N, C-alpha and C. Protein backbone atom coordinates (compact mmCIF):
# COMPACT_ATOMS: atom_id res chain seq x y z
N MET A 1 134.33 90.84 -48.98
CA MET A 1 134.42 91.61 -47.66
C MET A 1 135.79 91.30 -46.94
N SER A 2 136.47 92.35 -46.11
CA SER A 2 137.36 92.20 -45.52
C SER A 2 137.58 91.70 -44.13
N GLN A 3 138.06 91.48 -43.74
CA GLN A 3 138.07 90.74 -41.96
C GLN A 3 137.82 91.86 -41.02
N SER A 4 138.25 92.98 -41.62
CA SER A 4 138.36 94.25 -40.87
C SER A 4 136.25 94.38 -41.01
N ASN A 5 136.03 94.67 -42.48
CA ASN A 5 134.73 94.87 -42.47
C ASN A 5 133.55 93.98 -42.04
N LEU A 6 133.90 93.12 -42.25
CA LEU A 6 132.89 91.74 -41.19
C LEU A 6 133.03 92.00 -40.00
N LYS A 7 134.35 92.11 -39.23
CA LYS A 7 134.24 92.38 -37.79
C LYS A 7 133.25 93.67 -37.61
N HIS A 8 133.57 94.42 -37.86
CA HIS A 8 132.92 95.68 -37.74
C HIS A 8 131.09 95.44 -38.39
N LEU A 9 130.89 94.91 -39.00
CA LEU A 9 128.96 94.68 -38.92
C LEU A 9 128.90 93.59 -38.32
N GLU A 10 129.91 92.22 -37.74
CA GLU A 10 129.06 91.87 -36.68
C GLU A 10 129.25 92.79 -35.13
N ARG A 11 129.90 93.71 -34.88
CA ARG A 11 129.99 94.47 -33.86
C ARG A 11 128.93 95.07 -33.90
N ILE A 12 128.33 95.60 -34.96
CA ILE A 12 126.87 96.35 -35.11
C ILE A 12 125.64 95.45 -34.76
N LYS A 13 125.93 94.61 -35.17
CA LYS A 13 124.69 93.47 -35.42
C LYS A 13 124.71 92.84 -33.42
N GLU A 14 125.61 92.48 -33.18
CA GLU A 14 125.53 92.92 -31.51
C GLU A 14 124.71 94.10 -30.92
N HIS A 15 125.17 95.42 -30.98
CA HIS A 15 124.64 96.36 -31.08
C HIS A 15 123.17 96.53 -31.30
N ILE A 16 122.89 96.05 -32.58
CA ILE A 16 121.78 96.72 -32.70
C ILE A 16 120.55 95.40 -31.65
N ASP A 17 121.27 94.08 -31.88
CA ASP A 17 120.36 92.94 -31.37
C ASP A 17 120.26 93.83 -29.46
N LYS A 18 121.26 94.32 -28.69
CA LYS A 18 121.19 94.95 -27.57
C LYS A 18 120.43 95.95 -27.56
N ALA A 19 120.22 96.71 -28.19
CA ALA A 19 119.16 98.17 -27.86
C ALA A 19 118.34 98.19 -27.77
N GLY A 20 117.62 97.13 -27.72
CA GLY A 20 116.34 96.86 -26.77
C GLY A 20 115.17 97.12 -28.14
N LEU A 21 115.63 96.92 -29.62
CA LEU A 21 114.33 98.04 -30.51
C LEU A 21 113.72 96.88 -31.02
N SER A 22 112.48 96.85 -31.40
CA SER A 22 111.37 96.07 -31.55
C SER A 22 112.12 94.99 -33.24
N GLU A 23 111.46 94.01 -33.56
CA GLU A 23 111.80 93.11 -34.18
C GLU A 23 111.94 94.19 -35.79
N GLU A 24 110.60 94.75 -35.68
CA GLU A 24 111.11 95.90 -36.75
C GLU A 24 111.63 97.03 -36.87
N GLU A 25 111.97 97.29 -35.89
CA GLU A 25 113.57 98.24 -35.91
C GLU A 25 114.11 97.66 -36.45
N LYS A 26 114.86 97.35 -35.80
CA LYS A 26 116.13 96.15 -36.29
C LYS A 26 115.62 95.45 -37.45
N SER A 27 114.72 95.10 -38.03
CA SER A 27 114.75 94.93 -39.64
C SER A 27 115.25 96.11 -40.12
N ASN A 28 114.39 97.19 -39.94
CA ASN A 28 114.46 98.61 -40.81
C ASN A 28 116.18 98.94 -40.60
N ALA A 29 116.72 99.11 -39.75
CA ALA A 29 118.22 99.03 -39.09
C ALA A 29 119.28 98.46 -40.19
N TRP A 30 118.87 96.78 -40.41
CA TRP A 30 120.05 96.07 -40.85
C TRP A 30 119.47 96.16 -42.36
N LYS A 31 118.21 96.88 -42.81
CA LYS A 31 117.67 97.16 -44.49
C LYS A 31 118.83 98.39 -45.02
N HIS A 32 118.87 98.85 -44.19
CA HIS A 32 119.99 100.48 -43.85
C HIS A 32 121.01 100.01 -44.08
N ILE A 33 121.42 99.36 -43.16
CA ILE A 33 123.05 99.48 -43.61
C ILE A 33 123.29 98.39 -44.50
N GLU A 34 122.30 97.36 -44.83
CA GLU A 34 122.54 96.71 -46.20
C GLU A 34 122.81 97.49 -47.16
N GLU A 35 121.81 98.34 -47.41
CA GLU A 35 121.86 99.73 -48.56
C GLU A 35 122.81 100.54 -48.62
N TRP A 36 123.39 100.99 -47.39
CA TRP A 36 124.34 101.69 -47.56
C TRP A 36 125.85 100.39 -47.69
N TYR A 37 125.66 99.61 -47.45
CA TYR A 37 127.07 98.87 -48.02
C TYR A 37 127.02 98.74 -49.72
N ALA A 38 125.64 98.14 -50.18
CA ALA A 38 125.94 98.44 -51.42
C ALA A 38 126.03 99.54 -52.30
N GLU A 39 125.66 100.55 -51.93
CA GLU A 39 125.77 101.88 -52.28
C GLU A 39 127.69 102.01 -52.12
N ASP A 40 127.94 101.86 -51.20
CA ASP A 40 129.50 101.77 -50.57
C ASP A 40 130.44 100.94 -51.70
N LYS A 41 130.04 99.79 -51.80
CA LYS A 41 130.65 98.74 -52.91
C LYS A 41 130.64 99.02 -54.24
N ALA A 42 128.75 99.68 -54.78
CA ALA A 42 128.95 100.14 -56.15
C ALA A 42 129.87 101.29 -56.38
N TRP A 43 130.45 102.07 -55.16
CA TRP A 43 131.22 103.47 -55.03
C TRP A 43 132.00 102.97 -55.63
N GLY A 44 133.14 102.05 -54.75
CA GLY A 44 134.48 101.39 -54.88
C GLY A 44 134.57 100.73 -56.45
N THR A 45 133.82 100.05 -56.71
CA THR A 45 134.04 99.40 -58.19
C THR A 45 134.08 100.21 -58.97
N TRP A 46 133.16 101.53 -59.22
CA TRP A 46 133.08 102.12 -60.46
C TRP A 46 134.34 103.37 -59.73
N LEU A 47 134.56 103.57 -58.89
CA LEU A 47 136.19 104.42 -58.51
C LEU A 47 137.37 103.13 -59.07
N ASN A 48 137.36 102.25 -59.11
CA ASN A 48 138.40 101.15 -59.37
C ASN A 48 138.23 101.32 -60.77
N GLU A 49 137.30 100.75 -61.66
CA GLU A 49 137.10 101.47 -63.23
C GLU A 49 137.50 102.12 -64.10
N LEU A 50 137.24 103.20 -63.00
CA LEU A 50 137.84 104.97 -63.65
C LEU A 50 139.12 104.84 -63.70
N ALA A 51 139.66 104.43 -62.55
CA ALA A 51 141.11 104.32 -62.54
C ALA A 51 142.06 103.63 -63.22
N GLN A 52 141.43 102.57 -63.60
CA GLN A 52 142.33 101.22 -64.87
C GLN A 52 141.66 101.63 -66.50
N ILE A 53 141.27 103.33 -66.50
CA ILE A 53 141.05 103.81 -67.88
C ILE A 53 142.14 104.05 -68.27
N SER A 54 142.83 105.15 -66.81
CA SER A 54 144.19 105.41 -67.51
C SER A 54 145.22 105.90 -66.47
N PRO A 55 146.28 105.76 -66.12
CA PRO A 55 147.16 106.33 -64.79
C PRO A 55 146.62 107.86 -65.08
N LYS A 56 147.02 108.94 -65.51
CA LYS A 56 146.27 110.10 -65.06
C LYS A 56 144.83 110.26 -64.25
N ILE A 57 143.87 109.30 -64.54
CA ILE A 57 142.68 109.48 -63.73
C ILE A 57 142.89 108.96 -62.44
N GLU A 58 143.82 107.87 -62.32
CA GLU A 58 143.96 106.74 -60.78
C GLU A 58 144.87 107.98 -60.00
N ALA A 59 145.86 108.66 -61.04
CA ALA A 59 146.62 109.68 -60.41
C ALA A 59 145.68 110.59 -59.57
N PHE A 60 144.92 111.27 -60.31
CA PHE A 60 143.52 112.14 -59.87
C PHE A 60 142.58 112.11 -58.50
N LEU A 61 142.32 110.43 -59.11
CA LEU A 61 141.70 110.17 -57.87
C LEU A 61 142.17 109.66 -56.56
N ALA A 62 143.38 109.42 -56.66
CA ALA A 62 144.34 109.08 -55.69
C ALA A 62 144.45 110.34 -55.01
N GLU A 63 144.76 111.62 -55.86
CA GLU A 63 145.37 112.80 -55.32
C GLU A 63 143.86 113.43 -54.00
N LEU A 64 142.79 113.48 -54.29
CA LEU A 64 141.48 113.27 -54.43
C LEU A 64 141.37 112.69 -52.71
N GLY A 65 141.80 111.57 -52.39
CA GLY A 65 141.49 110.83 -51.44
C GLY A 65 140.40 109.69 -51.63
N LEU A 66 140.23 109.64 -52.99
CA LEU A 66 139.33 108.38 -53.25
C LEU A 66 139.67 106.85 -53.44
N ILE A 67 140.84 106.65 -53.81
CA ILE A 67 141.25 105.78 -53.59
C ILE A 67 142.59 105.62 -53.07
């Protein structure tokens, strides 16, 4: 994970801690964030693997703004 993403996650954690949520609500919030992160990471991995198949696919994905 990039330093920028780590900083964003740290800021999100601080805001969740300051939001006055119950422990269960905090736990649920983090659970959702972790799920979104895993999905985003999987999507990026999939796009990179597609891009490695062919320069044409890579150019197409770049044209769509996906990579």
